[in-house]
Amino acid sequence: MATRGDSWLEDVRTQLRGVVDAVWGEVRQHGILPLLEPVPPFNRPGFLSPAVAVGGLLAIMLLSGMAVTAFGSLVLVLLAMYLLLVQVFGVSVELHPFGPR
């Protein structure tokens, strides 16, 4: 639980550090291959297990690529909207920090 003075960012960092430590401990103890093997009942028959693992890995890579592409197109569209608003319509976008001046 968060103690007094901790920010939410430190809490997120602590949670992510715990996940990374747990995964790294499993990798050190058993290697990387058990993390890629399918779980029961998808590991039957045994000779299809490597094909299922490779298929899952390819699906993760494909979906990660789609997510990066979607994020890149979002950034590009936001940049185009900003340029359109500033250059064509003359809208001024100013950001001020919160708090007293």
N, C-alpha and C. Protein backbone atom coordinates (compact mmCIF):
# COMPACT_ATOMS: atom_id res chain seq x y z
N MET A 1 0.84 -1.17 0.00
CA MET A 1 0.00 0.00 0.00
C MET A 1 0.88 1.24 0.00
N ALA A 2 0.34 2.32 -0.47
CA ALA A 2 1.11 3.56 -0.56
C ALA A 2 1.31 4.17 0.83
N THR A 3 2.51 4.61 1.08
CA THR A 3 2.79 5.30 2.32
C THR A 3 2.66 6.79 2.09
N ARG A 4 2.68 7.53 3.16
CA ARG A 4 2.53 8.97 3.06
C ARG A 4 3.70 9.56 2.30
N GLY A 5 3.41 10.38 1.30
CA GLY A 5 4.45 11.02 0.52
C GLY A 5 4.74 10.32 -0.80
N ASP A 6 4.24 9.07 -0.96
CA ASP A 6 4.44 8.37 -2.23
C ASP A 6 3.48 8.91 -3.28
N SER A 7 3.95 9.02 -4.49
CA SER A 7 3.09 9.46 -5.57
C SER A 7 2.54 8.24 -6.29
N TRP A 8 1.54 8.45 -7.12
CA TRP A 8 0.96 7.35 -7.87
C TRP A 8 1.97 6.79 -8.87
N LEU A 9 2.88 7.62 -9.33
CA LEU A 9 3.88 7.17 -10.27
C LEU A 9 4.84 6.18 -9.61
N GLU A 10 5.18 6.43 -8.36
CA GLU A 10 6.02 5.49 -7.62
C GLU A 10 5.30 4.18 -7.37
N ASP A 11 3.98 4.24 -7.14
CA ASP A 11 3.20 3.01 -6.96
C ASP A 11 3.17 2.18 -8.24
N VAL A 12 3.00 2.84 -9.37
CA VAL A 12 3.01 2.13 -10.66
C VAL A 12 4.38 1.52 -10.90
N ARG A 13 5.43 2.27 -10.61
CA ARG A 13 6.79 1.76 -10.79
C ARG A 13 7.03 0.55 -9.91
N THR A 14 6.54 0.58 -8.67
CA THR A 14 6.70 -0.55 -7.75
C THR A 14 5.96 -1.78 -8.28
N GLN A 15 4.74 -1.59 -8.78
CA GLN A 15 3.97 -2.72 -9.32
C GLN A 15 4.65 -3.32 -10.55
N LEU A 16 5.11 -2.47 -11.46
CA LEU A 16 5.79 -2.96 -12.65
C LEU A 16 7.10 -3.67 -12.30
N ARG A 17 7.80 -3.15 -11.31
CA ARG A 17 9.05 -3.77 -10.87
C ARG A 17 8.77 -5.16 -10.31
N GLY A 18 7.66 -5.31 -9.58
CA GLY A 18 7.29 -6.63 -9.05
C GLY A 18 6.98 -7.63 -10.16
N VAL A 19 6.29 -7.18 -11.20
CA VAL A 19 5.98 -8.07 -12.33
C VAL A 19 7.26 -8.48 -13.04
N VAL A 20 8.14 -7.51 -13.30
CA VAL A 20 9.39 -7.81 -13.99
C VAL A 20 10.25 -8.76 -13.16
N ASP A 21 10.31 -8.54 -11.86
CA ASP A 21 11.09 -9.43 -10.99
C ASP A 21 10.53 -10.85 -10.99
N ALA A 22 9.19 -10.99 -10.99
CA ALA A 22 8.58 -12.32 -11.00
C ALA A 22 8.87 -13.04 -12.31
N VAL A 23 8.74 -12.34 -13.44
CA VAL A 23 9.02 -12.96 -14.74
C VAL A 23 10.50 -13.30 -14.85
N TRP A 24 11.37 -12.40 -14.42
CA TRP A 24 12.80 -12.66 -14.51
C TRP A 24 13.22 -13.83 -13.64
N GLY A 25 12.59 -13.97 -12.47
CA GLY A 25 12.88 -15.12 -11.61
C GLY A 25 12.49 -16.43 -12.27
N GLU A 26 11.33 -16.44 -12.94
CA GLU A 26 10.91 -17.65 -13.66
C GLU A 26 11.86 -17.95 -14.81
N VAL A 27 12.31 -16.93 -15.53
CA VAL A 27 13.22 -17.14 -16.65
C VAL A 27 14.55 -17.68 -16.16
N ARG A 28 15.06 -17.15 -15.04
CA ARG A 28 16.33 -17.64 -14.51
C ARG A 28 16.23 -19.07 -14.01
N GLN A 29 15.08 -19.41 -13.43
CA GLN A 29 14.93 -20.73 -12.85
C GLN A 29 14.64 -21.80 -13.91
N HIS A 30 13.75 -21.51 -14.87
CA HIS A 30 13.31 -22.53 -15.82
C HIS A 30 13.68 -22.22 -17.26
N GLY A 31 14.17 -21.04 -17.56
CA GLY A 31 14.47 -20.68 -18.94
C GLY A 31 13.28 -19.99 -19.59
N ILE A 32 13.46 -19.59 -20.85
CA ILE A 32 12.42 -18.83 -21.55
C ILE A 32 11.39 -19.75 -22.21
N LEU A 33 11.76 -20.98 -22.54
CA LEU A 33 10.86 -21.87 -23.26
C LEU A 33 9.57 -22.21 -22.51
N PRO A 34 9.58 -22.46 -21.20
CA PRO A 34 8.31 -22.74 -20.52
C PRO A 34 7.32 -21.57 -20.58
N LEU A 35 7.80 -20.35 -20.74
CA LEU A 35 6.89 -19.22 -20.85
C LEU A 35 6.19 -19.19 -22.20
N LEU A 36 6.78 -19.82 -23.21
CA LEU A 36 6.20 -19.82 -24.55
C LEU A 36 5.36 -21.06 -24.83
N GLU A 37 5.42 -22.07 -23.97
CA GLU A 37 4.66 -23.28 -24.19
C GLU A 37 3.19 -23.05 -23.89
N PRO A 38 2.29 -23.68 -24.66
CA PRO A 38 0.87 -23.54 -24.39
C PRO A 38 0.46 -24.27 -23.10
N VAL A 39 -0.60 -23.79 -22.50
CA VAL A 39 -1.09 -24.37 -21.26
C VAL A 39 -2.14 -25.44 -21.59
N PRO A 40 -2.40 -26.36 -20.65
CA PRO A 40 -3.44 -27.36 -20.90
C PRO A 40 -4.80 -26.68 -21.05
N PRO A 41 -5.66 -27.08 -21.87
CA PRO A 41 -5.71 -28.26 -22.73
C PRO A 41 -5.15 -28.01 -24.13
N PHE A 42 -4.51 -26.86 -24.36
CA PHE A 42 -4.03 -26.52 -25.70
C PHE A 42 -2.69 -27.16 -26.03
N ASN A 43 -2.08 -27.86 -25.07
CA ASN A 43 -0.80 -28.50 -25.33
C ASN A 43 -0.94 -29.95 -25.78
N ARG A 44 -2.16 -30.37 -26.10
CA ARG A 44 -2.40 -31.73 -26.58
C ARG A 44 -2.72 -31.69 -28.04
N PRO A 45 -2.27 -32.51 -28.89
CA PRO A 45 -1.19 -33.48 -28.74
C PRO A 45 0.16 -32.79 -28.65
N GLY A 46 1.11 -33.50 -28.10
CA GLY A 46 2.42 -32.94 -27.80
C GLY A 46 3.20 -32.47 -29.01
N PHE A 47 3.01 -33.11 -30.18
CA PHE A 47 3.78 -32.70 -31.35
C PHE A 47 3.28 -31.38 -31.93
N LEU A 48 2.07 -30.94 -31.57
CA LEU A 48 1.56 -29.65 -32.04
C LEU A 48 1.92 -28.50 -31.10
N SER A 49 2.46 -28.82 -29.95
CA SER A 49 2.80 -27.80 -28.96
C SER A 49 3.76 -26.74 -29.50
N PRO A 50 4.84 -27.10 -30.22
CA PRO A 50 5.71 -26.05 -30.78
C PRO A 50 5.00 -25.18 -31.81
N ALA A 51 4.10 -25.76 -32.59
CA ALA A 51 3.37 -24.97 -33.59
C ALA A 51 2.44 -23.97 -32.91
N VAL A 52 1.81 -24.38 -31.83
CA VAL A 52 0.93 -23.47 -31.09
C VAL A 52 1.74 -22.35 -30.45
N ALA A 53 2.92 -22.68 -29.92
CA ALA A 53 3.79 -21.67 -29.31
C ALA A 53 4.26 -20.67 -30.35
N VAL A 54 4.67 -21.14 -31.52
CA VAL A 54 5.12 -20.23 -32.58
C VAL A 54 3.96 -19.38 -33.07
N GLY A 55 2.78 -19.98 -33.20
CA GLY A 55 1.61 -19.23 -33.62
C GLY A 55 1.25 -18.13 -32.62
N GLY A 56 1.34 -18.44 -31.34
CA GLY A 56 1.08 -17.42 -30.32
C GLY A 56 2.09 -16.30 -30.34
N LEU A 57 3.36 -16.66 -30.53
CA LEU A 57 4.41 -15.64 -30.60
C LEU A 57 4.22 -14.74 -31.82
N LEU A 58 3.87 -15.33 -32.96
CA LEU A 58 3.61 -14.53 -34.16
C LEU A 58 2.40 -13.62 -33.97
N ALA A 59 1.36 -14.13 -33.29
CA ALA A 59 0.18 -13.32 -33.04
C ALA A 59 0.52 -12.13 -32.13
N ILE A 60 1.35 -12.36 -31.12
CA ILE A 60 1.76 -11.27 -30.23
C ILE A 60 2.54 -10.22 -31.01
N MET A 61 3.45 -10.67 -31.88
CA MET A 61 4.24 -9.72 -32.68
C MET A 61 3.34 -8.95 -33.64
N LEU A 62 2.38 -9.63 -34.27
CA LEU A 62 1.47 -8.96 -35.20
C LEU A 62 0.62 -7.91 -34.49
N LEU A 63 0.07 -8.28 -33.34
CA LEU A 63 -0.77 -7.33 -32.61
C LEU A 63 0.05 -6.17 -32.04
N SER A 64 1.29 -6.42 -31.64
CA SER A 64 2.15 -5.34 -31.18
C SER A 64 2.45 -4.37 -32.31
N GLY A 65 2.71 -4.90 -33.49
CA GLY A 65 2.94 -4.04 -34.65
C GLY A 65 1.72 -3.22 -35.00
N MET A 66 0.54 -3.82 -34.88
CA MET A 66 -0.68 -3.06 -35.15
C MET A 66 -0.87 -1.96 -34.12
N ALA A 67 -0.55 -2.22 -32.87
CA ALA A 67 -0.69 -1.20 -31.83
C ALA A 67 0.27 -0.04 -32.06
N VAL A 68 1.52 -0.34 -32.43
CA VAL A 68 2.50 0.72 -32.71
C VAL A 68 2.08 1.53 -33.92
N THR A 69 1.55 0.87 -34.95
CA THR A 69 1.08 1.57 -36.14
C THR A 69 -0.10 2.47 -35.81
N ALA A 70 -1.03 1.98 -35.01
CA ALA A 70 -2.18 2.79 -34.62
C ALA A 70 -1.74 4.01 -33.81
N PHE A 71 -0.77 3.82 -32.91
CA PHE A 71 -0.27 4.95 -32.13
C PHE A 71 0.42 5.97 -33.03
N GLY A 72 1.20 5.50 -33.99
CA GLY A 72 1.86 6.41 -34.92
C GLY A 72 0.88 7.18 -35.77
N SER A 73 -0.18 6.53 -36.23
CA SER A 73 -1.18 7.26 -37.02
C SER A 73 -1.94 8.25 -36.15
N LEU A 74 -2.18 7.93 -34.89
CA LEU A 74 -2.84 8.87 -33.98
C LEU A 74 -1.98 10.12 -33.79
N VAL A 75 -0.69 9.94 -33.58
CA VAL A 75 0.21 11.08 -33.41
C VAL A 75 0.25 11.92 -34.69
N LEU A 76 0.28 11.27 -35.84
CA LEU A 76 0.30 11.99 -37.11
C LEU A 76 -0.98 12.79 -37.33
N VAL A 77 -2.12 12.22 -37.00
CA VAL A 77 -3.39 12.94 -37.15
C VAL A 77 -3.47 14.11 -36.17
N LEU A 78 -3.02 13.91 -34.93
CA LEU A 78 -3.03 15.02 -33.97
C LEU A 78 -2.10 16.15 -34.42
N LEU A 79 -0.96 15.82 -34.99
CA LEU A 79 -0.05 16.84 -35.51
C LEU A 79 -0.69 17.59 -36.68
N ALA A 80 -1.36 16.86 -37.56
CA ALA A 80 -2.04 17.50 -38.69
C ALA A 80 -3.16 18.42 -38.20
N MET A 81 -3.92 17.99 -37.20
CA MET A 81 -4.98 18.85 -36.65
C MET A 81 -4.40 20.10 -36.00
N TYR A 82 -3.30 19.95 -35.29
CA TYR A 82 -2.65 21.09 -34.67
C TYR A 82 -2.19 22.09 -35.72
N LEU A 83 -1.52 21.59 -36.77
CA LEU A 83 -1.06 22.49 -37.83
C LEU A 83 -2.22 23.16 -38.55
N LEU A 84 -3.31 22.43 -38.77
CA LEU A 84 -4.49 23.01 -39.41
C LEU A 84 -5.10 24.10 -38.54
N LEU A 85 -5.23 23.85 -37.26
CA LEU A 85 -5.81 24.85 -36.36
C LEU A 85 -4.92 26.08 -36.23
N VAL A 86 -3.61 25.89 -36.14
CA VAL A 86 -2.71 27.01 -35.92
C VAL A 86 -2.45 27.78 -37.21
N GLN A 87 -2.14 27.09 -38.31
CA GLN A 87 -1.74 27.76 -39.54
C GLN A 87 -2.93 28.28 -40.34
N VAL A 88 -4.02 27.54 -40.41
CA VAL A 88 -5.16 27.93 -41.24
C VAL A 88 -6.15 28.79 -40.47
N PHE A 89 -6.53 28.36 -39.28
CA PHE A 89 -7.56 29.08 -38.53
C PHE A 89 -7.01 30.07 -37.53
N GLY A 90 -5.72 30.06 -37.28
CA GLY A 90 -5.10 31.03 -36.40
C GLY A 90 -5.39 30.84 -34.92
N VAL A 91 -5.71 29.65 -34.52
CA VAL A 91 -5.99 29.36 -33.11
C VAL A 91 -4.66 29.29 -32.36
N SER A 92 -4.60 29.95 -31.20
CA SER A 92 -3.39 29.91 -30.39
C SER A 92 -3.56 28.86 -29.30
N VAL A 93 -2.60 27.96 -29.20
CA VAL A 93 -2.63 26.91 -28.19
C VAL A 93 -1.52 27.21 -27.19
N GLU A 94 -1.92 27.51 -25.93
CA GLU A 94 -0.96 27.82 -24.89
C GLU A 94 -1.21 26.91 -23.70
N LEU A 95 -0.14 26.43 -23.12
CA LEU A 95 -0.23 25.57 -21.94
C LEU A 95 0.44 26.27 -20.78
N HIS A 96 -0.28 26.34 -19.66
CA HIS A 96 0.25 26.97 -18.45
C HIS A 96 0.30 25.93 -17.34
N PRO A 97 1.33 25.96 -16.51
CA PRO A 97 1.40 25.01 -15.40
C PRO A 97 0.34 25.33 -14.35
N PHE A 98 -0.09 24.30 -13.63
CA PHE A 98 -1.05 24.50 -12.56
C PHE A 98 -0.37 25.15 -11.36
N GLY A 99 -1.15 25.70 -10.51
CA GLY A 99 -0.64 26.26 -9.27
C GLY A 99 -0.52 27.77 -9.31
N PRO A 100 -0.18 28.36 -8.18
CA PRO A 100 -0.08 29.82 -8.12
C PRO A 100 1.14 30.32 -8.90
N ARG A 101 1.02 31.52 -9.38
CA ARG A 101 2.13 32.12 -10.14
C ARG A 101 3.02 32.95 -9.25
